[in-house]
Amino acid sequence: MPSSANFADPQFEPSDEDLLELSREAFAGVAELRLTAREQMRVRIAALRVDALARVAALIASRPGPARSAGSDEAT
C-alpha cells in the first residue's frame, strides 16, 4: 500500500506509522540477504578448510625422516 507521506517536504512531520512503514520497506529483504550471505560464507569456509588440511597433510608427508601419522604423539 503506497504511503501518502512526502518525506521530501521539509515541512512534513511523519507519524510513527509513516516511519515504521518506511523502515519496513527499507529493510524488507535484509534478513534473506543475510541468510544467503551466511550460507555462502559457510560453504567458502568449508572449502578453504579442506584445502588447508590437504596442504598440511602434504607438508607432513613431504618431511624427511621416518613416516609420521597425523595423530602421532611424537614431539617435534
Protein backbone atom coordinates (compact mmCIF):
# COMPACT_ATOMS: atom_id res chain seq x y z
CA MET A 1 0.00 0.00 0.00
CA PRO A 2 1.69 3.21 -1.12
CA SER A 3 2.03 5.89 1.51
CA SER A 4 0.91 9.48 1.05
CA ALA A 5 3.87 10.62 3.15
CA ASN A 6 6.05 13.20 1.44
CA PHE A 7 9.46 12.77 3.03
CA ALA A 8 10.96 15.25 0.53
CA ASP A 9 8.88 18.09 2.02
CA PRO A 10 10.91 19.74 4.82
CA GLN A 11 7.64 20.83 6.47
CA PHE A 12 6.30 17.27 6.61
CA GLU A 13 6.15 15.72 10.08
CA PRO A 14 6.00 11.93 9.68
CA SER A 15 3.90 9.94 12.09
CA ASP A 16 5.22 6.89 13.90
CA GLU A 17 3.28 4.75 11.42
CA ASP A 18 4.95 6.55 8.49
CA LEU A 19 8.38 5.86 9.96
CA LEU A 20 7.55 2.21 10.67
CA GLU A 21 6.34 1.73 7.10
CA LEU A 22 9.48 3.42 5.74
CA SER A 23 11.65 1.15 7.89
CA ARG A 24 9.79 -2.00 6.79
CA GLU A 25 10.18 -1.06 3.13
CA ALA A 26 13.85 -0.11 3.51
CA PHE A 27 14.83 -3.35 5.25
CA ALA A 28 12.37 -5.78 3.65
CA GLY A 29 15.00 -8.02 2.04
CA VAL A 30 17.80 -7.73 4.58
CA ALA A 31 17.04 -10.92 6.56
CA GLU A 32 17.00 -13.08 3.42
CA LEU A 33 20.21 -11.48 2.11
CA ARG A 34 21.91 -12.04 5.46
CA LEU A 35 20.96 -15.73 5.48
CA THR A 36 22.17 -16.15 1.90
CA ALA A 37 25.49 -14.45 2.68
CA ARG A 38 25.93 -16.57 5.80
CA GLU A 39 25.39 -19.79 3.86
CA GLN A 40 27.82 -18.68 1.14
CA MET A 41 30.40 -17.93 3.83
CA ARG A 42 29.91 -21.37 5.42
CA VAL A 43 30.45 -23.05 2.05
CA ARG A 44 33.58 -20.97 1.39
CA ILE A 45 35.00 -21.68 4.85
CA ALA A 46 34.37 -25.42 4.45
CA ALA A 47 36.19 -25.44 1.09
CA LEU A 48 39.11 -23.44 2.49
CA ARG A 49 39.31 -25.78 5.48
CA VAL A 50 39.53 -28.82 3.22
CA ASP A 51 42.26 -27.10 1.21
CA ALA A 52 44.21 -26.11 4.33
CA LEU A 53 44.04 -29.62 5.80
CA ALA A 54 45.22 -31.10 2.48
CA ARG A 55 48.17 -28.68 2.40
CA VAL A 56 49.13 -29.55 5.97
CA ALA A 57 48.92 -33.27 5.19
CA ALA A 58 51.09 -32.78 2.10
CA LEU A 59 53.70 -30.83 4.10
CA ILE A 60 53.79 -33.51 6.79
CA ALA A 61 54.13 -36.24 4.19
CA SER A 62 57.00 -34.40 2.45
CA ARG A 63 59.12 -34.03 5.60
CA PRO A 64 62.28 -36.11 5.62
CA GLY A 65 62.67 -38.79 8.26
CA PRO A 66 60.52 -41.63 9.50
CA ALA A 67 56.94 -41.81 8.36
CA ARG A 68 54.67 -39.86 10.66
CA SER A 69 50.96 -40.20 11.13
CA ALA A 70 48.85 -37.10 11.62
CA GLY A 71 47.71 -38.31 15.04
CA SER A 72 51.08 -39.34 16.47
CA ASP A 73 52.09 -38.11 19.91
CA GLU A 74 55.67 -37.63 18.81
CA ALA A 75 57.28 -34.38 19.93
CA THR A 76 58.74 -32.28 17.11
